[in-house]
PDB file of N, CA and C in Angstrom:
ATOM      1  N   MET A   1    -164.036  23.130 -18.439  1.00  0.00           N
ATOM      2  CA  MET A   1    -163.689  22.756 -17.083  1.00  0.00           C
ATOM      3  C   MET A   1    -163.086  23.976 -16.398  1.00  0.00           C
ATOM      4  N   THR A   2    -163.556  24.264 -15.179  1.00  0.00           N
ATOM      5  CA  THR A   2    -163.041  25.424 -14.465  1.00  0.00           C
ATOM      6  C   THR A   2    -161.647  25.144 -13.934  1.00  0.00           C
ATOM      7  N   GLU A   3    -160.953  26.204 -13.583  1.00  0.00           N
ATOM      8  CA  GLU A   3    -159.604  26.068 -13.033  1.00  0.00           C
ATOM      9  C   GLU A   3    -159.632  25.262 -11.734  1.00  0.00           C
ATOM     10  N   LYS A   4    -160.661  25.497 -10.910  1.00  0.00           N
ATOM     11  CA  LYS A   4    -160.800  24.770  -9.646  1.00  0.00           C
ATOM     12  C   LYS A   4    -160.954  23.267  -9.902  1.00  0.00           C
ATOM     13  N   ARG A   5    -161.761  22.905 -10.887  1.00  0.00           N
ATOM     14  CA  ARG A   5    -161.970  21.494 -11.188  1.00  0.00           C
ATOM     15  C   ARG A   5    -160.723  20.860 -11.784  1.00  0.00           C
ATOM     16  N   ARG A   6    -159.956  21.613 -12.592  1.00  0.00           N
ATOM     17  CA  ARG A   6    -158.705  21.094 -13.143  1.00  0.00           C
ATOM     18  C   ARG A   6    -157.717  20.788 -12.023  1.00  0.00           C
ATOM     19  N   ALA A   7    -157.621  21.698 -11.055  1.00  0.00           N
ATOM     20  CA  ALA A   7    -156.704  21.499  -9.935  1.00  0.00           C
ATOM     21  C   ALA A   7    -157.143  20.311  -9.100  1.00  0.00           C
ATOM     22  N   ALA A   8    -158.445  20.174  -8.883  1.00  0.00           N
ATOM     23  CA  ALA A   8    -158.961  19.055  -8.092  1.00  0.00           C
ATOM     24  C   ALA A   8    -158.667  17.731  -8.786  1.00  0.00           C
ATOM     25  N   ALA A   9    -158.812  17.678 -10.102  1.00  0.00           N
ATOM     26  CA  ALA A   9    -158.554  16.448 -10.847  1.00  0.00           C
ATOM     27  C   ALA A   9    -157.078  16.061 -10.770  1.00  0.00           C
ATOM     28  N   ALA A  10    -156.197  17.043 -10.716  1.00  0.00           N
ATOM     29  CA  ALA A  10    -154.763  16.773 -10.669  1.00  0.00           C
ATOM     30  C   ALA A  10    -154.329  16.263  -9.294  1.00  0.00           C
ATOM     31  N   ASP A  11    -155.078  16.570  -8.252  1.00  0.00           N
ATOM     32  CA  ASP A  11    -154.727  16.191  -6.893  1.00  0.00           C
ATOM     33  C   ASP A  11    -155.463  14.936  -6.442  1.00  0.00           C
ATOM     34  N   THR A  12    -155.473  13.917  -7.288  1.00  0.00           N
ATOM     35  CA  THR A  12    -156.156  12.675  -6.955  1.00  0.00           C
ATOM     36  C   THR A  12    -155.175  11.508  -6.969  1.00  0.00           C
ATOM     37  N   VAL A  13    -155.558  10.448  -6.287  1.00  0.00           N
ATOM     38  CA  VAL A  13    -154.746   9.232  -6.235  1.00  0.00           C
ATOM     39  C   VAL A  13    -155.649   8.028  -6.501  1.00  0.00           C
ATOM     40  N   ASP A  14    -155.057   6.923  -6.944  1.00  0.00           N
ATOM     41  CA  ASP A  14    -155.812   5.689  -7.127  1.00  0.00           C
ATOM     42  C   ASP A  14    -156.060   5.057  -5.765  1.00  0.00           C
ATOM     43  N   LEU A  15    -157.286   4.572  -5.589  1.00  0.00           N
ATOM     44  CA  LEU A  15    -157.667   3.922  -4.345  1.00  0.00           C
ATOM     45  C   LEU A  15    -158.229   2.541  -4.693  1.00  0.00           C
ATOM     46  N   ALA A  16    -157.635   1.485  -4.138  1.00  0.00           N
ATOM     47  CA  ALA A  16    -158.069   0.116  -4.427  1.00  0.00           C
ATOM     48  C   ALA A  16    -159.323  -0.229  -3.638  1.00  0.00           C
ATOM     49  N   LEU A  17    -160.262  -0.911  -4.312  1.00  0.00           N
ATOM     50  CA  LEU A  17    -161.487  -1.377  -3.671  1.00  0.00           C
ATOM     51  C   LEU A  17    -161.408  -2.876  -3.438  1.00  0.00           C
ATOM     52  N   ALA A  18    -162.226  -3.373  -2.531  1.00  0.00           N
ATOM     53  CA  ALA A  18    -162.207  -4.791  -2.161  1.00  0.00           C
ATOM     54  C   ALA A  18    -162.581  -5.715  -3.309  1.00  0.00           C
ATOM     55  N   ASP A  19    -163.301  -5.209  -4.314  1.00  0.00           N
ATOM     56  CA  ASP A  19    -163.694  -6.059  -5.442  1.00  0.00           C
ATOM     57  C   ASP A  19    -162.671  -6.066  -6.570  1.00  0.00           C
ATOM     58  N   GLY A  20    -161.503  -5.461  -6.341  1.00  0.00           N
ATOM     59  CA  GLY A  20    -160.432  -5.460  -7.332  1.00  0.00           C
ATOM     60  C   GLY A  20    -160.385  -4.227  -8.213  1.00  0.00           C
ATOM     61  N   ARG A  21    -161.439  -3.433  -8.198  1.00  0.00           N
ATOM     62  CA  ARG A  21    -161.433  -2.193  -8.984  1.00  0.00           C
ATOM     63  C   ARG A  21    -160.653  -1.121  -8.243  1.00  0.00           C
ATOM     64  N   SER A  22    -160.354  -0.047  -8.956  1.00  0.00           N
ATOM     65  CA  SER A  22    -159.769   1.124  -8.308  1.00  0.00           C
ATOM     66  C   SER A  22    -160.553   2.347  -8.741  1.00  0.00           C
ATOM     67  N   VAL A  23    -160.567   3.349  -7.879  1.00  0.00           N
ATOM     68  CA  VAL A  23    -161.239   4.614  -8.160  1.00  0.00           C
ATOM     69  C   VAL A  23    -160.268   5.741  -7.866  1.00  0.00           C
ATOM     70  N   ARG A  24    -160.526   6.888  -8.467  1.00  0.00           N
ATOM     71  CA  ARG A  24    -159.721   8.081  -8.197  1.00  0.00           C
ATOM     72  C   ARG A  24    -160.330   8.793  -6.999  1.00  0.00           C
ATOM     73  N   ALA A  25    -159.501   9.146  -6.043  1.00  0.00           N
ATOM     74  CA  ALA A  25    -159.955   9.831  -4.836  1.00  0.00           C
ATOM     75  C   ALA A  25    -159.124  11.083  -4.615  1.00  0.00           C
ATOM     76  N   PRO A  26    -159.731  12.145  -4.109  1.00  0.00           N
ATOM     77  CA  PRO A  26    -158.968  13.358  -3.810  1.00  0.00           C
ATOM     78  C   PRO A  26    -157.888  13.054  -2.774  1.00  0.00           C
ATOM     79  N   ALA A  27    -156.687  13.513  -3.031  1.00  0.00           N
ATOM     80  CA  ALA A  27    -155.579  13.261  -2.112  1.00  0.00           C
ATOM     81  C   ALA A  27    -155.900  13.766  -0.708  1.00  0.00           C
ATOM     82  N   ALA A  28    -156.636  14.865  -0.605  1.00  0.00           N
ATOM     83  CA  ALA A  28    -156.967  15.448   0.692  1.00  0.00           C
ATOM     84  C   ALA A  28    -157.894  14.557   1.515  1.00  0.00           C
ATOM     85  N   PHE A  29    -158.684  13.700   0.864  1.00  0.00           N
ATOM     86  CA  PHE A  29    -159.656  12.859   1.566  1.00  0.00           C
ATOM     87  C   PHE A  29    -159.310  11.379   1.546  1.00  0.00           C
ATOM     88  N   VAL A  30    -158.220  10.991   0.905  1.00  0.00           N
ATOM     89  CA  VAL A  30    -157.944   9.570   0.679  1.00  0.00           C
ATOM     90  C   VAL A  30    -157.918   8.758   1.976  1.00  0.00           C
ATOM     91  N   ASP A  31    -157.451   9.320   3.059  1.00  0.00           N
ATOM     92  CA  ASP A  31    -157.404   8.593   4.323  1.00  0.00           C
ATOM     93  C   ASP A  31    -158.781   8.411   4.946  1.00  0.00           C
ATOM     94  N   GLN A  32    -159.749   9.229   4.538  1.00  0.00           N
ATOM     95  CA  GLN A  32    -161.095   9.154   5.101  1.00  0.00           C
ATOM     96  C   GLN A  32    -162.042   8.271   4.296  1.00  0.00           C
ATOM     97  N   VAL A  33    -161.734   8.031   3.028  1.00  0.00           N
ATOM     98  CA  VAL A  33    -162.635   7.267   2.163  1.00  0.00           C
ATOM     99  C   VAL A  33    -162.744   5.826   2.663  1.00  0.00           C
ATOM    100  N   VAL A  34    -163.988   5.365   2.887  1.00  0.00           N
ATOM    101  CA  VAL A  34    -164.206   3.995   3.356  1.00  0.00           C
ATOM    102  C   VAL A  34    -164.627   3.065   2.224  1.00  0.00           C
ATOM    103  N   GLY A  35    -165.001   3.633   1.076  1.00  0.00           N
ATOM    104  CA  GLY A  35    -165.413   2.835  -0.071  1.00  0.00           C
ATOM    105  C   GLY A  35    -166.325   3.639  -0.978  1.00  0.00           C
ATOM    106  N   VAL A  36    -167.156   2.929  -1.744  1.00  0.00           N
ATOM    107  CA  VAL A  36    -168.075   3.585  -2.675  1.00  0.00           C
ATOM    108  C   VAL A  36    -169.490   3.057  -2.478  1.00  0.00           C
ATOM    109  N   ASP A  37    -170.459   3.835  -2.940  1.00  0.00           N
ATOM    110  CA  ASP A  37    -171.851   3.394  -2.902  1.00  0.00           C
ATOM    111  C   ASP A  37    -172.193   2.694  -4.218  1.00  0.00           C
ATOM    112  N   ALA A  38    -173.453   2.360  -4.415  1.00  0.00           N
ATOM    113  CA  ALA A  38    -173.874   1.635  -5.618  1.00  0.00           C
ATOM    114  C   ALA A  38    -173.674   2.449  -6.892  1.00  0.00           C
ATOM    115  N   ASP A  39    -173.596   3.775  -6.773  1.00  0.00           N
ATOM    116  CA  ASP A  39    -173.367   4.651  -7.932  1.00  0.00           C
ATOM    117  C   ASP A  39    -171.889   4.938  -8.148  1.00  0.00           C
ATOM    118  N   ASN A  40    -171.022   4.292  -7.362  1.00  0.00           N
ATOM    119  CA  ASN A  40    -169.572   4.467  -7.435  1.00  0.00           C
ATOM    120  C   ASN A  40    -169.103   5.826  -6.905  1.00  0.00           C
ATOM    121  N   ASP A  41    -169.934   6.465  -6.083  1.00  0.00           N
ATOM    122  CA  ASP A  41    -169.523   7.717  -5.440  1.00  0.00           C
ATOM    123  C   ASP A  41    -168.750   7.387  -4.171  1.00  0.00           C
ATOM    124  N   LEU A  42    -167.683   8.138  -3.920  1.00  0.00           N
ATOM    125  CA  LEU A  42    -166.862   7.940  -2.729  1.00  0.00           C
ATOM    126  C   LEU A  42    -167.668   8.258  -1.475  1.00  0.00           C
ATOM    127  N   LEU A  43    -167.423   7.494  -0.414  1.00  0.00           N
ATOM    128  CA  LEU A  43    -168.097   7.706   0.862  1.00  0.00           C
ATOM    129  C   LEU A  43    -167.071   7.983   1.950  1.00  0.00           C
ATOM    130  N   ILE A  44    -167.360   8.997   2.773  1.00  0.00           N
ATOM    131  CA  ILE A  44    -166.518   9.318   3.925  1.00  0.00           C
ATOM    132  C   ILE A  44    -167.410   9.418   5.160  1.00  0.00           C
ATOM    133  N   PRO A  45    -166.834   9.228   6.367  1.00  0.00           N
ATOM    134  CA  PRO A  45    -167.626   9.356   7.589  1.00  0.00           C
ATOM    135  C   PRO A  45    -168.068  10.811   7.807  1.00  0.00           C
ATOM    136  N   LEU A  46    -169.240  10.956   8.381  1.00  0.00           N
ATOM    137  CA  LEU A  46    -169.778  12.270   8.711  1.00  0.00           C
ATOM    138  C   LEU A  46    -169.259  12.685  10.078  1.00  0.00           C
ATOM    139  N   ASP A  47    -168.365  13.641  10.103  1.00  0.00           N
ATOM    140  CA  ASP A  47    -167.854  14.243  11.340  1.00  0.00           C
ATOM    141  C   ASP A  47    -167.571  13.254  12.464  1.00  0.00           C
ATOM    142  N   GLY A  48    -166.786  12.227  12.182  1.00  0.00           N
ATOM    143  CA  GLY A  48    -166.372  11.291  13.209  1.00  0.00           C
ATOM    144  C   GLY A  48    -167.442  10.313  13.674  1.00  0.00           C
ATOM    145  N   THR A  49    -168.531  10.183  12.928  1.00  0.00           N
ATOM    146  CA  THR A  49    -169.592   9.236  13.284  1.00  0.00           C
ATOM    147  C   THR A  49    -169.478   7.991  12.419  1.00  0.00           C
ATOM    148  N   ASP A  50    -170.395   7.060  12.610  1.00  0.00           N
ATOM    149  CA  ASP A  50    -170.458   5.867  11.762  1.00  0.00           C
ATOM    150  C   ASP A  50    -171.280   6.114  10.505  1.00  0.00           C
ATOM    151  N   HIS A  51    -171.918   7.276  10.412  1.00  0.00           N
ATOM    152  CA  HIS A  51    -172.724   7.615   9.236  1.00  0.00           C
ATOM    153  C   HIS A  51    -171.800   8.004   8.085  1.00  0.00           C
ATOM    154  N   LEU A  52    -172.188   7.605   6.866  1.00  0.00           N
ATOM    155  CA  LEU A  52    -171.384   7.895   5.679  1.00  0.00           C
ATOM    156  C   LEU A  52    -172.102   8.884   4.777  1.00  0.00           C
ATOM    157  N   VAL A  53    -171.335   9.792   4.169  1.00  0.00           N
ATOM    158  CA  VAL A  53    -171.891  10.734   3.210  1.00  0.00           C
ATOM    159  C   VAL A  53    -171.155  10.597   1.878  1.00  0.00           C
ATOM    160  N   PRO A  54    -171.898  10.703   0.764  1.00  0.00           N
ATOM    161  CA  PRO A  54    -171.257  10.623  -0.550  1.00  0.00           C
ATOM    162  C   PRO A  54    -170.596  11.946  -0.926  1.00  0.00           C
ATOM    163  N   LEU A  55    -169.452  11.860  -1.571  1.00  0.00           N
ATOM    164  CA  LEU A  55    -168.792  13.063  -2.084  1.00  0.00           C
ATOM    165  C   LEU A  55    -169.359  13.377  -3.468  1.00  0.00           C
ATOM    166  N   THR A  56    -169.539  14.658  -3.753  1.00  0.00           N
ATOM    167  CA  THR A  56    -170.105  15.070  -5.033  1.00  0.00           C
ATOM    168  C   THR A  56    -169.141  14.776  -6.174  1.00  0.00           C
ATOM    169  N   PRO A  57    -169.665  14.414  -7.346  1.00  0.00           N
ATOM    170  CA  PRO A  57    -168.779  14.135  -8.484  1.00  0.00           C
ATOM    171  C   PRO A  57    -168.111  15.391  -9.037  1.00  0.00           C
ATOM    172  N   CYS A  58    -168.709  16.556  -8.810  1.00  0.00           N
ATOM    173  CA  CYS A  58    -168.148  17.787  -9.377  1.00  0.00           C
ATOM    174  C   CYS A  58    -166.936  18.300  -8.598  1.00  0.00           C
ATOM    175  N   CYS A  59    -167.002  18.308  -7.274  1.00  0.00           N
ATOM    176  CA  CYS A  59    -165.943  18.916  -6.464  1.00  0.00           C
ATOM    177  C   CYS A  59    -165.411  18.026  -5.347  1.00  0.00           C
ATOM    178  N   SER A  60    -165.914  16.797  -5.246  1.00  0.00           N
ATOM    179  CA  SER A  60    -165.508  15.869  -4.183  1.00  0.00           C
ATOM    180  C   SER A  60    -165.680  16.479  -2.803  1.00  0.00           C
ATOM    181  N   THR A  61    -166.846  17.035  -2.577  1.00  0.00           N
ATOM    182  CA  THR A  61    -167.211  17.573  -1.276  1.00  0.00           C
ATOM    183  C   THR A  61    -168.628  17.119  -0.979  1.00  0.00           C
ATOM    184  N   SER A  62    -169.195  17.533   0.122  1.00  0.00           N
ATOM    185  CA  SER A  62    -170.561  17.121   0.445  1.00  0.00           C
ATOM    186  C   SER A  62    -171.562  18.140  -0.082  1.00  0.00           C
ATOM    187  N   GLY A  63    -172.818  17.760  -0.045  1.00  0.00           N
ATOM    188  CA  GLY A  63    -173.882  18.656  -0.448  1.00  0.00           C
ATOM    189  C   GLY A  63    -174.548  19.262   0.766  1.00  0.00           C
ATOM    190  N   LYS A  64    -175.361  20.285   0.523  1.00  0.00           N
ATOM    191  CA  LYS A  64    -176.122  20.896   1.613  1.00  0.00           C
ATOM    192  C   LYS A  64    -177.437  21.421   1.059  1.00  0.00           C
ATOM    193  N   SER A  65    -178.418  21.537   1.941  1.00  0.00           N
ATOM    194  CA  SER A  65    -179.721  22.048   1.536  1.00  0.00           C
ATOM    195  C   SER A  65    -179.603  23.505   1.128  1.00  0.00           C
ATOM    196  N   SER A  66    -180.457  23.894   0.185  1.00  0.00           N
ATOM    197  CA  SER A  66    -180.467  25.279  -0.267  1.00  0.00           C
ATOM    198  C   SER A  66    -181.903  25.754  -0.398  1.00  0.00           C
ATOM    199  N   PHE A  67    -182.189  26.878   0.209  1.00  0.00           N
ATOM    200  CA  PHE A  67    -183.527  27.456   0.096  1.00  0.00           C
ATOM    201  C   PHE A  67    -183.714  28.125  -1.262  1.00  0.00           C
ATOM    202  N   GLU A  68    -182.618  28.546  -1.880  1.00  0.00           N
ATOM    203  CA  GLU A  68    -182.690  29.232  -3.170  1.00  0.00           C
ATOM    204  C   GLU A  68    -183.173  28.321  -4.286  1.00  0.00           C
ATOM    205  N   CYS A  69    -182.767  27.059  -4.262  1.00  0.00           N
ATOM    206  CA  CYS A  69    -183.158  26.149  -5.338  1.00  0.00           C
ATOM    207  C   CYS A  69    -184.128  25.076  -4.852  1.00  0.00           C
ATOM    208  N   SER A  70    -184.491  25.123  -3.575  1.00  0.00           N
ATOM    209  CA  SER A  70    -185.394  24.128  -2.973  1.00  0.00           C
ATOM    210  C   SER A  70    -184.872  22.715  -3.171  1.00  0.00           C
ATOM    211  N   GLY A  71    -183.571  22.550  -3.076  1.00  0.00           N
ATOM    212  CA  GLY A  71    -182.950  21.247  -3.249  1.00  0.00           C
ATOM    213  C   GLY A  71    -181.615  21.200  -2.550  1.00  0.00           C
ATOM    214  N   VAL A  72    -180.646  20.557  -3.198  1.00  0.00           N
ATOM    215  CA  VAL A  72    -179.312  20.384  -2.636  1.00  0.00           C
ATOM    216  C   VAL A  72    -178.287  21.018  -3.565  1.00  0.00           C
ATOM    217  N   ILE A  73    -177.293  21.674  -2.974  1.00  0.00           N
ATOM    218  CA  ILE A  73    -176.204  22.264  -3.760  1.00  0.00           C
ATOM    219  C   ILE A  73    -174.876  21.698  -3.267  1.00  0.00           C
ATOM    220  N   CYS A  74    -173.882  21.741  -4.140  1.00  0.00           N
ATOM    221  CA  CYS A  74    -172.523  21.316  -3.807  1.00  0.00           C
ATOM    222  C   CYS A  74    -171.879  22.382  -2.924  1.00  0.00           C
ATOM    223  N   ARG A  75    -171.204  21.954  -1.869  1.00  0.00           N
ATOM    224  CA  ARG A  75    -170.513  22.911  -0.991  1.00  0.00           C
ATOM    225  C   ARG A  75    -169.285  23.528  -1.664  1.00  0.00           C
ATOM    226  N   GLY A  76    -168.810  22.908  -2.730  1.00  0.00           N
ATOM    227  CA  GLY A  76    -167.626  23.421  -3.415  1.00  0.00           C
ATOM    228  C   GLY A  76    -167.931  24.466  -4.473  1.00  0.00           C
ATOM    229  N   CYS A  77    -168.881  24.146  -5.365  1.00  0.00           N
ATOM    230  CA  CYS A  77    -169.158  25.058  -6.492  1.00  0.00           C
ATOM    231  C   CYS A  77    -170.544  25.699  -6.425  1.00  0.00           C
ATOM    232  N   TYR A  78    -171.355  25.293  -5.471  1.00  0.00           N
ATOM    233  CA  TYR A  78    -172.708  25.828  -5.255  1.00  0.00           C
ATOM    234  C   TYR A  78    -173.668  25.560  -6.405  1.00  0.00           C
ATOM    235  N   GLU A  79    -173.350  24.576  -7.253  1.00  0.00           N
ATOM    236  CA  GLU A  79    -174.261  24.173  -8.315  1.00  0.00           C
ATOM    237  C   GLU A  79    -175.310  23.236  -7.718  1.00  0.00           C
ATOM    238  N   GLU A  80    -176.515  23.269  -8.286  1.00  0.00           N
ATOM    239  CA  GLU A  80    -177.562  22.365  -7.832  1.00  0.00           C
ATOM    240  C   GLU A  80    -177.186  20.942  -8.233  1.00  0.00           C
ATOM    241  N   ILE A  81    -177.346  19.997  -7.290  1.00  0.00           N
ATOM    242  CA  ILE A  81    -176.982  18.598  -7.517  1.00  0.00           C
ATOM    243  C   ILE A  81    -178.118  17.699  -7.049  1.00  0.00           C
ATOM    244  N   ASP A  82    -177.994  16.412  -7.314  1.00  0.00           N
ATOM    245  CA  ASP A  82    -179.004  15.440  -6.913  1.00  0.00           C
ATOM    246  C   ASP A  82    -179.181  15.442  -5.397  1.00  0.00           C
ATOM    247  N   ASN A  83    -180.414  15.238  -4.961  1.00  0.00           N
ATOM    248  CA  ASN A  83    -180.726  15.229  -3.531  1.00  0.00           C
ATOM    249  C   ASN A  83    -179.936  14.182  -2.748  1.00  0.00           C
ATOM    250  N   LYS A  84    -179.478  13.141  -3.407  1.00  0.00           N
ATOM    251  CA  LYS A  84    -178.711  12.086  -2.739  1.00  0.00           C
ATOM    252  C   LYS A  84    -177.498  12.652  -1.999  1.00  0.00           C
ATOM    253  N   TYR A  85    -176.892  13.711  -2.519  1.00  0.00           N
ATOM    254  CA  TYR A  85    -175.675  14.267  -1.929  1.00  0.00           C
ATOM    255  C   TYR A  85    -175.947  15.118  -0.691  1.00  0.00           C
ATOM    256  N   GLY A  86    -177.212  15.290  -0.341  1.00  0.00           N
ATOM    257  CA  GLY A  86    -177.560  16.018   0.870  1.00  0.00           C
ATOM    258  C   GLY A  86    -177.909  15.090   2.020  1.00  0.00           C
ATOM    259  N   GLY A  87    -177.759  13.781   1.799  1.00  0.00           N
ATOM    260  CA  GLY A  87    -178.123  12.812   2.830  1.00  0.00           C
ATOM    261  C   GLY A  87    -177.017  11.812   3.083  1.00  0.00           C
ATOM    262  N   LEU A  88    -177.395  10.731   3.733  1.00  0.00           N
ATOM    263  CA  LEU A  88    -176.434   9.688   4.074  1.00  0.00           C
ATOM    264  C   LEU A  88    -176.312   8.682   2.943  1.00  0.00           C
ATOM    265  N   GLY A  89    -175.144   8.052   2.840  1.00  0.00           N
ATOM    266  CA  GLY A  89    -174.895   7.053   1.822  1.00  0.00           C
ATOM    267  C   GLY A  89    -174.847   5.659   2.406  1.00  0.00           C
ATOM    268  N   THR A  90    -174.889   4.665   1.519  1.00  0.00           N
ATOM    269  CA  THR A  90    -174.819   3.262   1.909  1.00  0.00           C
ATOM    270  C   THR A  90    -173.618   2.618   1.229  1.00  0.00           C
ATOM    271  N   LEU A  91    -172.758   2.013   2.014  1.00  0.00           N
ATOM    272  CA  LEU A  91    -171.555   1.381   1.492  1.00  0.00           C
ATOM    273  C   LEU A  91    -171.906   0.162   0.631  1.00  0.00           C
ATOM    274  N   ALA A  92    -171.419   0.158  -0.603  1.00  0.00           N
ATOM    275  CA  ALA A  92    -171.630  -0.989  -1.510  1.00  0.00           C
ATOM    276  C   ALA A  92    -170.346  -1.805  -1.626  1.00  0.00           C
ATOM    277  N   VAL A  93    -169.203  -1.113  -1.775  1.00  0.00           N
ATOM    278  CA  VAL A  93    -167.912  -1.791  -1.905  1.00  0.00           C
ATOM    279  C   VAL A  93    -166.897  -1.060  -1.020  1.00  0.00           C
ATOM    280  N   PRO A  94    -166.337  -1.755  -0.014  1.00  0.00           N
ATOM    281  CA  PRO A  94    -165.337  -1.115   0.839  1.00  0.00           C
ATOM    282  C   PRO A  94    -163.987  -1.004   0.141  1.00  0.00           C
ATOM    283  N   ARG A  95    -163.136  -0.166   0.672  1.00  0.00           N
ATOM    284  CA  ARG A  95    -161.786  -0.098   0.124  1.00  0.00           C
ATOM    285  C   ARG A  95    -161.001  -1.326   0.552  1.00  0.00           C
ATOM    286  N   ALA A  96    -159.999  -1.651  -0.221  1.00  0.00           N
ATOM    287  CA  ALA A  96    -159.199  -2.867   0.047  1.00  0.00           C
ATOM    288  C   ALA A  96    -158.308  -2.662   1.254  1.00  0.00           C
TER     289      ALA A  96
END
């Protein structure tokens, strides 16, 4: 685990979901998290819109397109990630 990922893991808080479960959320984003998608990834609004984007499991940030890998990379660590993180998410369970 990298030093950046260790620090990110330490700066998390429990967030209650409407179905009674709780998830760990980055303290920096906890006020923005609206819930999780079907894969249990955290969802936050896209730049003040009603659209939701999933946070990456590696760095809790969004993804972006990359011409170098012809796919999607994490904005935090620049590792190639699933294409889902480069698009919009669908709310499965809202926060409590």
